Amino acid sequence: MHRQFTALIHWATHSLHSVSSGKVAVVDGTLPELEVDVVDLVNDSYRVLVYGGVLHSSRVLRLMDLGVRGYVPETATLPVLLAAVKSIAADGTHLPFDPASGRNYVPLTTAEEVAADAYFLNDEELPRIEVAKRLGIADSTLRNQLASVRRKLGIPPQASRTAVSRRYRATVRQAVPSRQSVQSP
């Protein structure tokens, strides 16, 4: 089975036009040291997709906090796996469930959405104080808004900015249309 898994992933990463096999790593979800392997690959700048096993959603969200870009259970079809690989290769995410499901989702306020978009999506390289200046608000205000976003999305405070950014993209940005896109013609 390991040989079949390796051959399938090799085929997927070399036959899809948008996939760069040097940037996408697919990890077997049944490995006993899955978290350790994932952290090593993320630290080596790979975009990681976990494939296989049937992982509980809380474990998948923990893997996302560690930097995993997506998860495909072993019960998924080949087209689902290929779509996930393409999405990860295009710097996207893939989850077989809505990460906000099972939580008491509270919609973000306009100020929280603006703050989160600026800090997690638009200005990912800038320090928080610089993002606050660009938004024309105090650093403490931005810090409070971002803490509220983390709390509403169920993201632990110790999660890295990169992990929060990925979770924010996966939950809010893809699940709910942006206020700007709704208002645009």
N, C-alpha and C. Protein backbone atom coordinates (compact mmCIF):
# COMPACT_ATOMS: atom_id res chain seq x y z
N MET A 1 0.83 -1.20 0.00
CA MET A 1 0.00 0.00 0.00
C MET A 1 0.87 1.26 0.00
N HIS A 2 1.99 1.23 0.74
CA HIS A 2 2.87 2.40 0.76
C HIS A 2 3.40 2.70 -0.64
N ARG A 3 3.73 1.66 -1.40
CA ARG A 3 4.24 1.85 -2.76
C ARG A 3 3.15 2.47 -3.64
N GLN A 4 1.90 2.00 -3.49
CA GLN A 4 0.79 2.57 -4.27
C GLN A 4 0.58 4.03 -3.90
N PHE A 5 0.64 4.35 -2.61
CA PHE A 5 0.47 5.72 -2.14
C PHE A 5 1.55 6.61 -2.75
N THR A 6 2.80 6.17 -2.68
CA THR A 6 3.91 6.95 -3.21
C THR A 6 3.76 7.14 -4.72
N ALA A 7 3.39 6.10 -5.44
CA ALA A 7 3.22 6.21 -6.89
C ALA A 7 2.09 7.17 -7.24
N LEU A 8 1.00 7.12 -6.49
CA LEU A 8 -0.13 8.01 -6.76
C LEU A 8 0.27 9.47 -6.55
N ILE A 9 0.96 9.75 -5.48
CA ILE A 9 1.37 11.12 -5.19
C ILE A 9 2.40 11.59 -6.21
N HIS A 10 3.33 10.71 -6.58
CA HIS A 10 4.32 11.07 -7.59
C HIS A 10 3.61 11.42 -8.90
N TRP A 11 2.64 10.61 -9.28
CA TRP A 11 1.89 10.87 -10.52
C TRP A 11 1.15 12.21 -10.41
N ALA A 12 0.49 12.46 -9.28
CA ALA A 12 -0.30 13.68 -9.12
C ALA A 12 0.58 14.92 -9.18
N THR A 13 1.74 14.88 -8.53
CA THR A 13 2.58 16.07 -8.48
C THR A 13 3.34 16.30 -9.78
N HIS A 14 3.45 15.28 -10.63
CA HIS A 14 4.16 15.47 -11.88
C HIS A 14 3.26 15.60 -13.11
N SER A 15 1.97 15.29 -12.96
CA SER A 15 1.11 15.35 -14.14
C SER A 15 0.16 16.54 -14.13
N LEU A 16 0.01 17.22 -13.03
CA LEU A 16 -0.84 18.40 -13.00
C LEU A 16 0.00 19.62 -13.33
N HIS A 17 -0.47 20.43 -14.25
CA HIS A 17 0.31 21.56 -14.74
C HIS A 17 0.67 22.56 -13.65
N SER A 18 -0.24 22.81 -12.72
CA SER A 18 0.02 23.85 -11.74
C SER A 18 0.78 23.36 -10.51
N VAL A 19 1.14 22.09 -10.49
CA VAL A 19 1.78 21.52 -9.31
C VAL A 19 3.29 21.51 -9.46
N SER A 20 3.96 22.03 -8.47
CA SER A 20 5.41 21.96 -8.42
C SER A 20 5.77 20.96 -7.33
N SER A 21 6.30 19.81 -7.70
CA SER A 21 6.55 18.76 -6.72
C SER A 21 7.57 19.20 -5.67
N GLY A 22 8.37 20.19 -5.97
CA GLY A 22 9.33 20.67 -5.00
C GLY A 22 8.71 21.55 -3.94
N LYS A 23 7.46 21.94 -4.11
CA LYS A 23 6.82 22.84 -3.16
C LYS A 23 5.67 22.19 -2.41
N VAL A 24 5.13 21.10 -2.92
CA VAL A 24 4.01 20.42 -2.29
C VAL A 24 4.49 19.09 -1.72
N ALA A 25 4.15 18.86 -0.47
CA ALA A 25 4.46 17.58 0.15
C ALA A 25 3.15 16.95 0.60
N VAL A 26 2.95 15.69 0.24
CA VAL A 26 1.77 14.96 0.66
C VAL A 26 2.22 13.94 1.69
N VAL A 27 1.62 14.02 2.87
CA VAL A 27 2.03 13.18 3.98
C VAL A 27 0.93 12.19 4.31
N ASP A 28 1.31 10.96 4.58
CA ASP A 28 0.38 9.90 4.94
C ASP A 28 -0.23 10.22 6.30
N GLY A 29 -1.55 10.35 6.34
CA GLY A 29 -2.25 10.71 7.57
C GLY A 29 -2.28 9.62 8.62
N THR A 30 -1.79 8.42 8.30
CA THR A 30 -1.78 7.33 9.27
C THR A 30 -0.44 7.18 9.98
N LEU A 31 0.52 8.04 9.66
CA LEU A 31 1.83 7.94 10.29
C LEU A 31 1.73 8.20 11.79
N PRO A 32 2.46 7.42 12.60
CA PRO A 32 2.38 7.62 14.05
C PRO A 32 2.96 8.97 14.50
N GLU A 33 3.95 9.48 13.82
CA GLU A 33 4.58 10.76 14.18
C GLU A 33 4.17 11.85 13.20
N LEU A 34 2.89 11.90 12.84
CA LEU A 34 2.38 12.81 11.83
C LEU A 34 2.72 14.27 12.13
N GLU A 35 2.47 14.71 13.35
CA GLU A 35 2.71 16.10 13.70
C GLU A 35 4.19 16.48 13.55
N VAL A 36 5.08 15.59 13.97
CA VAL A 36 6.52 15.86 13.87
C VAL A 36 6.93 15.98 12.40
N ASP A 37 6.44 15.05 11.56
CA ASP A 37 6.76 15.09 10.13
C ASP A 37 6.24 16.38 9.49
N VAL A 38 5.03 16.77 9.86
CA VAL A 38 4.42 17.97 9.31
C VAL A 38 5.24 19.21 9.67
N VAL A 39 5.62 19.33 10.93
CA VAL A 39 6.39 20.49 11.38
C VAL A 39 7.71 20.58 10.62
N ASP A 40 8.38 19.43 10.43
CA ASP A 40 9.64 19.43 9.69
C ASP A 40 9.45 19.92 8.26
N LEU A 41 8.41 19.44 7.58
CA LEU A 41 8.16 19.84 6.20
C LEU A 41 7.77 21.31 6.09
N VAL A 42 6.94 21.79 7.01
CA VAL A 42 6.55 23.20 7.00
C VAL A 42 7.77 24.08 7.23
N ASN A 43 8.62 23.67 8.16
CA ASN A 43 9.85 24.44 8.41
C ASN A 43 10.78 24.44 7.20
N ASP A 44 10.67 23.42 6.35
CA ASP A 44 11.46 23.37 5.12
C ASP A 44 10.74 24.05 3.96
N SER A 45 9.70 24.81 4.24
CA SER A 45 8.94 25.62 3.28
C SER A 45 8.11 24.81 2.28
N TYR A 46 7.68 23.62 2.67
CA TYR A 46 6.77 22.85 1.83
C TYR A 46 5.34 23.25 2.14
N ARG A 47 4.49 23.15 1.12
CA ARG A 47 3.04 23.27 1.31
C ARG A 47 2.58 21.84 1.56
N VAL A 48 2.02 21.59 2.73
CA VAL A 48 1.74 20.22 3.16
C VAL A 48 0.26 19.90 3.04
N LEU A 49 0.00 18.73 2.43
CA LEU A 49 -1.33 18.15 2.35
C LEU A 49 -1.26 16.80 3.05
N VAL A 50 -2.17 16.56 3.99
CA VAL A 50 -2.24 15.27 4.66
C VAL A 50 -3.29 14.44 3.93
N TYR A 51 -2.89 13.24 3.54
CA TYR A 51 -3.80 12.34 2.81
C TYR A 51 -3.82 10.98 3.50
N GLY A 52 -5.00 10.48 3.74
CA GLY A 52 -5.14 9.14 4.30
C GLY A 52 -5.58 9.18 5.75
N GLY A 53 -6.02 8.03 6.19
CA GLY A 53 -6.57 7.95 7.53
C GLY A 53 -7.92 8.63 7.57
N VAL A 54 -8.57 8.54 8.70
CA VAL A 54 -9.82 9.26 8.92
C VAL A 54 -9.61 10.02 10.22
N LEU A 55 -9.19 11.27 10.08
CA LEU A 55 -8.82 12.09 11.22
C LEU A 55 -10.02 12.90 11.72
N HIS A 56 -10.12 13.02 13.01
CA HIS A 56 -11.16 13.85 13.62
C HIS A 56 -10.90 15.31 13.25
N SER A 57 -11.97 16.08 13.12
CA SER A 57 -11.82 17.48 12.71
C SER A 57 -10.94 18.28 13.67
N SER A 58 -10.97 17.97 14.96
CA SER A 58 -10.12 18.70 15.90
C SER A 58 -8.64 18.43 15.63
N ARG A 59 -8.30 17.21 15.22
CA ARG A 59 -6.91 16.91 14.88
C ARG A 59 -6.51 17.62 13.58
N VAL A 60 -7.42 17.67 12.62
CA VAL A 60 -7.13 18.37 11.37
C VAL A 60 -6.89 19.85 11.64
N LEU A 61 -7.71 20.45 12.49
CA LEU A 61 -7.51 21.86 12.83
C LEU A 61 -6.19 22.06 13.56
N ARG A 62 -5.80 21.11 14.40
CA ARG A 62 -4.49 21.18 15.07
C ARG A 62 -3.38 21.14 14.02
N LEU A 63 -3.51 20.27 13.02
CA LEU A 63 -2.52 20.20 11.94
C LEU A 63 -2.48 21.50 11.17
N MET A 64 -3.64 22.13 10.95
CA MET A 64 -3.68 23.42 10.27
C MET A 64 -2.92 24.46 11.08
N ASP A 65 -3.05 24.41 12.40
CA ASP A 65 -2.31 25.34 13.26
C ASP A 65 -0.80 25.13 13.12
N LEU A 66 -0.40 23.89 12.79
CA LEU A 66 1.02 23.59 12.61
C LEU A 66 1.52 23.98 11.22
N GLY A 67 0.60 24.35 10.32
CA GLY A 67 1.01 24.80 9.00
C GLY A 67 0.53 23.95 7.84
N VAL A 68 -0.21 22.88 8.11
CA VAL A 68 -0.75 22.05 7.04
C VAL A 68 -1.74 22.88 6.23
N ARG A 69 -1.72 22.71 4.91
CA ARG A 69 -2.61 23.47 4.03
C ARG A 69 -3.93 22.75 3.76
N GLY A 70 -3.95 21.42 3.94
CA GLY A 70 -5.18 20.71 3.65
C GLY A 70 -5.14 19.27 4.12
N TYR A 71 -6.32 18.65 4.08
CA TYR A 71 -6.48 17.26 4.50
C TYR A 71 -7.49 16.59 3.58
N VAL A 72 -7.15 15.37 3.15
CA VAL A 72 -8.06 14.55 2.35
C VAL A 72 -8.13 13.19 3.03
N PRO A 73 -9.31 12.76 3.48
CA PRO A 73 -9.41 11.45 4.14
C PRO A 73 -9.26 10.32 3.13
N GLU A 74 -8.95 9.13 3.64
CA GLU A 74 -8.74 7.98 2.75
C GLU A 74 -10.02 7.58 2.02
N THR A 75 -11.15 8.04 2.51
CA THR A 75 -12.43 7.72 1.88
C THR A 75 -12.75 8.60 0.68
N ALA A 76 -11.92 9.60 0.43
CA ALA A 76 -12.17 10.53 -0.68
C ALA A 76 -11.85 9.87 -2.02
N THR A 77 -12.45 10.39 -3.06
CA THR A 77 -12.20 9.88 -4.41
C THR A 77 -10.93 10.51 -4.99
N LEU A 78 -10.44 9.92 -6.06
CA LEU A 78 -9.26 10.43 -6.73
C LEU A 78 -9.45 11.88 -7.20
N PRO A 79 -10.58 12.24 -7.80
CA PRO A 79 -10.76 13.65 -8.20
C PRO A 79 -10.67 14.62 -7.01
N VAL A 80 -11.13 14.21 -5.84
CA VAL A 80 -11.03 15.07 -4.65
C VAL A 80 -9.57 15.25 -4.27
N LEU A 81 -8.79 14.16 -4.29
CA LEU A 81 -7.37 14.25 -3.97
C LEU A 81 -6.66 15.17 -4.97
N LEU A 82 -6.94 15.00 -6.24
CA LEU A 82 -6.29 15.82 -7.26
C LEU A 82 -6.68 17.29 -7.13
N ALA A 83 -7.95 17.55 -6.81
CA ALA A 83 -8.38 18.94 -6.60
C ALA A 83 -7.67 19.54 -5.40
N ALA A 84 -7.47 18.74 -4.36
CA ALA A 84 -6.77 19.22 -3.16
C ALA A 84 -5.31 19.54 -3.49
N VAL A 85 -4.65 18.67 -4.25
CA VAL A 85 -3.25 18.90 -4.62
C VAL A 85 -3.15 20.18 -5.45
N LYS A 86 -4.07 20.36 -6.40
CA LYS A 86 -4.05 21.58 -7.21
C LYS A 86 -4.26 22.82 -6.35
N SER A 87 -5.19 22.75 -5.41
CA SER A 87 -5.47 23.89 -4.54
C SER A 87 -4.26 24.23 -3.69
N ILE A 88 -3.62 23.22 -3.12
CA ILE A 88 -2.44 23.44 -2.27
C ILE A 88 -1.31 24.02 -3.12
N ALA A 89 -1.13 23.50 -4.32
CA ALA A 89 -0.06 23.98 -5.20
C ALA A 89 -0.29 25.44 -5.59
N ALA A 90 -1.55 25.85 -5.67
CA ALA A 90 -1.88 27.23 -6.03
C ALA A 90 -1.94 28.12 -4.78
N ASP A 91 -1.33 27.67 -3.69
CA ASP A 91 -1.26 28.40 -2.43
C ASP A 91 -2.61 28.53 -1.75
N GLY A 92 -3.49 27.56 -2.00
CA GLY A 92 -4.80 27.56 -1.35
C GLY A 92 -4.85 26.55 -0.22
N THR A 93 -6.05 26.22 0.18
CA THR A 93 -6.27 25.25 1.24
C THR A 93 -7.31 24.24 0.78
N HIS A 94 -7.42 23.14 1.50
CA HIS A 94 -8.46 22.16 1.20
C HIS A 94 -8.84 21.44 2.48
N LEU A 95 -10.10 21.51 2.84
CA LEU A 95 -10.62 20.78 3.98
C LEU A 95 -11.92 20.09 3.58
N PRO A 96 -12.16 18.88 4.10
CA PRO A 96 -13.40 18.17 3.75
C PRO A 96 -14.59 18.62 4.58
N PHE A 97 -14.41 19.67 5.37
CA PHE A 97 -15.47 20.17 6.23
C PHE A 97 -15.27 21.67 6.42
N ASP A 98 -16.30 22.33 6.89
CA ASP A 98 -16.21 23.75 7.21
C ASP A 98 -15.59 23.88 8.59
N PRO A 99 -14.39 24.47 8.71
CA PRO A 99 -13.75 24.55 10.01
C PRO A 99 -14.57 25.27 11.07
N ALA A 100 -15.50 26.10 10.66
CA ALA A 100 -16.32 26.81 11.64
C ALA A 100 -17.50 25.97 12.11
N SER A 101 -17.78 24.83 11.43
CA SER A 101 -18.92 24.02 11.84
C SER A 101 -18.62 23.39 13.19
N GLY A 102 -19.64 23.20 13.97
CA GLY A 102 -19.46 22.65 15.29
C GLY A 102 -19.06 23.69 16.32
N ARG A 103 -18.87 24.89 15.90
CA ARG A 103 -18.55 25.98 16.82
C ARG A 103 -19.72 26.95 16.78
N ASN A 104 -19.85 27.70 17.82
CA ASN A 104 -20.85 28.76 17.83
C ASN A 104 -20.26 29.93 17.08
N TYR A 105 -20.41 29.92 15.78
CA TYR A 105 -19.81 30.95 14.95
C TYR A 105 -20.49 32.28 15.19
N VAL A 106 -19.70 33.28 15.46
CA VAL A 106 -20.19 34.64 15.64
C VAL A 106 -19.60 35.46 14.50
N PRO A 107 -20.43 36.09 13.68
CA PRO A 107 -19.90 36.85 12.56
C PRO A 107 -18.96 37.96 13.02
N LEU A 108 -17.99 38.25 12.20
CA LEU A 108 -17.05 39.33 12.50
C LEU A 108 -17.72 40.67 12.23
N THR A 109 -17.36 41.65 13.04
CA THR A 109 -17.82 43.00 12.77
C THR A 109 -17.05 43.54 11.57
N THR A 110 -17.52 44.63 11.01
CA THR A 110 -16.83 45.25 9.88
C THR A 110 -15.40 45.62 10.27
N ALA A 111 -15.22 46.21 11.45
CA ALA A 111 -13.88 46.61 11.91
C ALA A 111 -12.97 45.39 12.07
N GLU A 112 -13.51 44.30 12.60
CA GLU A 112 -12.71 43.08 12.77
C GLU A 112 -12.32 42.50 11.41
N GLU A 113 -13.25 42.51 10.47
CA GLU A 113 -12.96 41.98 9.14
C GLU A 113 -11.89 42.83 8.44
N VAL A 114 -12.00 44.14 8.54
CA VAL A 114 -11.00 45.04 7.93
C VAL A 114 -9.63 44.79 8.57
N ALA A 115 -9.60 44.69 9.89
CA ALA A 115 -8.34 44.45 10.60
C ALA A 115 -7.73 43.10 10.21
N ALA A 116 -8.55 42.06 10.19
CA ALA A 116 -8.06 40.73 9.85
C ALA A 116 -7.60 40.66 8.40
N ASP A 117 -8.35 41.27 7.50
CA ASP A 117 -7.93 41.29 6.09
C ASP A 117 -6.58 41.98 5.95
N ALA A 118 -6.43 43.12 6.60
CA ALA A 118 -5.17 43.88 6.48
C ALA A 118 -4.01 43.12 7.10
N TYR A 119 -4.21 42.56 8.26
CA TYR A 119 -3.10 41.93 8.99
C TYR A 119 -2.79 40.52 8.48
N PHE A 120 -3.83 39.72 8.21
CA PHE A 120 -3.61 38.33 7.83
C PHE A 120 -3.54 38.10 6.32
N LEU A 121 -4.11 38.98 5.53
CA LEU A 121 -4.15 38.74 4.08
C LEU A 121 -3.33 39.75 3.28
N ASN A 122 -3.52 41.03 3.52
CA ASN A 122 -2.92 42.05 2.66
C ASN A 122 -1.49 42.41 3.03
N ASP A 123 -1.20 42.52 4.31
CA ASP A 123 0.11 43.00 4.76
C ASP A 123 0.78 41.96 5.65
N GLU A 124 0.86 40.72 5.18
CA GLU A 124 1.37 39.63 6.00
C GLU A 124 2.81 39.82 6.45
N GLU A 125 3.56 40.63 5.76
CA GLU A 125 4.97 40.81 6.11
C GLU A 125 5.21 41.99 7.06
N LEU A 126 4.23 42.86 7.19
CA LEU A 126 4.41 44.05 8.02
C LEU A 126 4.15 43.75 9.49
N PRO A 127 4.88 44.40 10.38
CA PRO A 127 4.58 44.28 11.81
C PRO A 127 3.21 44.88 12.11
N ARG A 128 2.61 44.43 13.20
CA ARG A 128 1.27 44.88 13.55
C ARG A 128 1.19 46.40 13.67
N ILE A 129 2.19 47.01 14.25
CA ILE A 129 2.16 48.47 14.44
C ILE A 129 2.11 49.20 13.10
N GLU A 130 2.78 48.66 12.09
CA GLU A 130 2.75 49.28 10.75
C GLU A 130 1.39 49.09 10.10
N VAL A 131 0.79 47.92 10.29
CA VAL A 131 -0.55 47.69 9.75
C VAL A 131 -1.53 48.65 10.41
N ALA A 132 -1.40 48.84 11.72
CA ALA A 132 -2.28 49.77 12.43
C ALA A 132 -2.14 51.19 11.86
N LYS A 133 -0.90 51.61 11.60
CA LYS A 133 -0.69 52.94 11.02
C LYS A 133 -1.37 53.06 9.67
N ARG A 134 -1.23 52.03 8.83
CA ARG A 134 -1.87 52.06 7.51
C ARG A 134 -3.39 52.14 7.62
N LEU A 135 -3.94 51.50 8.65
CA LEU A 135 -5.39 51.53 8.85
C LEU A 135 -5.84 52.81 9.54
N GLY A 136 -4.88 53.56 10.08
CA GLY A 136 -5.22 54.80 10.78
C GLY A 136 -5.82 54.57 12.16
N ILE A 137 -5.42 53.46 12.80
CA ILE A 137 -5.92 53.17 14.14
C ILE A 137 -4.73 52.92 15.07
N ALA A 138 -4.99 52.93 16.35
CA ALA A 138 -3.95 52.67 17.34
C ALA A 138 -3.56 51.19 17.31
N ASP A 139 -2.31 50.90 17.64
CA ASP A 139 -1.85 49.51 17.70
C ASP A 139 -2.67 48.70 18.69
N SER A 140 -3.03 49.31 19.81
CA SER A 140 -3.83 48.59 20.82
C SER A 140 -5.22 48.24 20.28
N THR A 141 -5.78 49.11 19.46
CA THR A 141 -7.09 48.83 18.84
C THR A 141 -6.98 47.64 17.89
N LEU A 142 -5.94 47.64 17.06
CA LEU A 142 -5.74 46.53 16.13
C LEU A 142 -5.51 45.24 16.91
N ARG A 143 -4.70 45.31 17.96
CA ARG A 143 -4.42 44.11 18.78
C ARG A 143 -5.72 43.56 19.35
N ASN A 144 -6.60 44.42 19.86
CA ASN A 144 -7.87 43.97 20.43
C ASN A 144 -8.79 43.37 19.36
N GLN A 145 -8.82 43.98 18.17
CA GLN A 145 -9.66 43.45 17.10
C GLN A 145 -9.16 42.07 16.65
N LEU A 146 -7.85 41.92 16.54
CA LEU A 146 -7.28 40.63 16.12
C LEU A 146 -7.51 39.56 17.19
N ALA A 147 -7.44 39.94 18.45
CA ALA A 147 -7.72 38.99 19.54
C ALA A 147 -9.18 38.54 19.47
N SER A 148 -10.07 39.46 19.14
CA SER A 148 -11.48 39.13 19.01
C SER A 148 -11.70 38.17 17.83
N VAL A 149 -11.01 38.42 16.71
CA VAL A 149 -11.12 37.53 15.54
C VAL A 149 -10.65 36.13 15.92
N ARG A 150 -9.50 36.03 16.57
CA ARG A 150 -8.99 34.72 17.00
C ARG A 150 -10.00 34.01 17.90
N ARG A 151 -10.55 34.74 18.86
CA ARG A 151 -11.51 34.15 19.80
C ARG A 151 -12.75 33.67 19.06
N LYS A 152 -13.29 34.47 18.14
CA LYS A 152 -14.49 34.09 17.41
C LYS A 152 -14.26 32.90 16.50
N LEU A 153 -13.06 32.76 15.97
CA LEU A 153 -12.74 31.63 15.09
C LEU A 153 -12.24 30.42 15.86
N GLY A 154 -12.10 30.55 17.18
CA GLY A 154 -11.64 29.43 17.99
C GLY A 154 -10.17 29.11 17.80
N ILE A 155 -9.37 30.14 17.53
CA ILE A 155 -7.94 29.96 17.29
C ILE A 155 -7.20 30.28 18.58
N PRO A 156 -6.35 29.36 19.04
CA PRO A 156 -5.62 29.61 20.29
C PRO A 156 -4.67 30.80 20.15
N PRO A 157 -4.46 31.55 21.24
CA PRO A 157 -3.61 32.74 21.19
C PRO A 157 -2.16 32.44 20.81
N GLN A 158 -1.68 31.23 21.08
CA GLN A 158 -0.28 30.91 20.78
C GLN A 158 -0.06 30.51 19.32
N ALA A 159 -1.12 30.42 18.52
CA ALA A 159 -0.97 30.06 17.11
C ALA A 159 -0.20 31.16 16.37
N SER A 160 0.67 30.74 15.45
CA SER A 160 1.48 31.70 14.71
C SER A 160 0.60 32.53 13.76
N ARG A 161 1.15 33.66 13.35
CA ARG A 161 0.45 34.53 12.41
C ARG A 161 0.15 33.79 11.11
N THR A 162 1.08 32.99 10.65
CA THR A 162 0.89 32.22 9.42
C THR A 162 -0.24 31.22 9.58
N ALA A 163 -0.27 30.52 10.70
CA ALA A 163 -1.33 29.54 10.94
C ALA A 163 -2.69 30.23 11.04
N VAL A 164 -2.74 31.37 11.70
CA VAL A 164 -4.00 32.11 11.81
C VAL A 164 -4.44 32.60 10.44
N SER A 165 -3.49 33.06 9.64
CA SER A 165 -3.80 33.53 8.29
C SER A 165 -4.42 32.41 7.46
N ARG A 166 -3.84 31.23 7.53
CA ARG A 166 -4.39 30.09 6.78
C ARG A 166 -5.79 29.75 7.26
N ARG A 167 -5.98 29.70 8.58
CA ARG A 167 -7.29 29.36 9.12
C ARG A 167 -8.29 30.44 8.76
N TYR A 168 -7.88 31.70 8.81
CA TYR A 168 -8.77 32.79 8.45
C TYR A 168 -9.22 32.65 6.99
N ARG A 169 -8.27 32.38 6.10
CA ARG A 169 -8.61 32.16 4.69
C ARG A 169 -9.58 31.00 4.53
N ALA A 170 -9.31 29.92 5.22
CA ALA A 170 -10.12 28.70 5.08
C ALA A 170 -11.51 28.86 5.66
N THR A 171 -11.66 29.63 6.72
CA THR A 171 -12.97 29.73 7.37
C THR A 171 -13.78 30.90 6.87
N VAL A 172 -13.29 32.10 7.05
CA VAL A 172 -14.08 33.29 6.77
C VAL A 172 -14.07 33.66 5.30
N ARG A 173 -12.89 33.76 4.72
CA ARG A 173 -12.77 34.30 3.37
C ARG A 173 -13.40 33.39 2.33
N GLN A 174 -13.39 32.07 2.52
CA GLN A 174 -13.96 31.19 1.51
C GLN A 174 -15.40 30.80 1.84
N ALA A 175 -15.77 30.91 3.12
CA ALA A 175 -17.11 30.48 3.51
C ALA A 175 -18.13 31.60 3.42
N VAL A 176 -17.70 32.82 3.64
CA VAL A 176 -18.61 33.97 3.68
C VAL A 176 -18.15 35.00 2.66
N PRO A 177 -19.05 35.46 1.77
CA PRO A 177 -18.62 36.50 0.83
C PRO A 177 -18.22 37.76 1.58
N SER A 178 -17.19 38.40 1.09
CA SER A 178 -16.70 39.63 1.71
C SER A 178 -17.70 40.74 1.53
N ARG A 179 -17.71 41.66 2.47
CA ARG A 179 -18.62 42.81 2.37
C ARG A 179 -18.28 43.64 1.13
N GLN A 180 -17.00 43.71 0.79
CA GLN A 180 -16.61 44.47 -0.38
C GLN A 180 -17.12 43.83 -1.65
N SER A 181 -17.05 42.49 -1.74
CA SER A 181 -17.52 41.83 -2.96
C SER A 181 -19.02 41.92 -3.09
N VAL A 182 -19.74 41.98 -1.96
CA VAL A 182 -21.19 42.10 -2.01
C VAL A 182 -21.58 43.50 -2.49
N GLN A 183 -20.81 44.52 -2.08
CA GLN A 183 -21.14 45.88 -2.43
C GLN A 183 -20.67 46.24 -3.84
N SER A 184 -19.67 45.52 -4.36
CA SER A 184 -19.16 45.85 -5.70
C SER A 184 -20.15 45.46 -6.76
N PRO A 185 -20.18 46.17 -7.89
CA PRO A 185 -21.14 45.82 -8.96
C PRO A 185 -20.74 44.54 -9.63
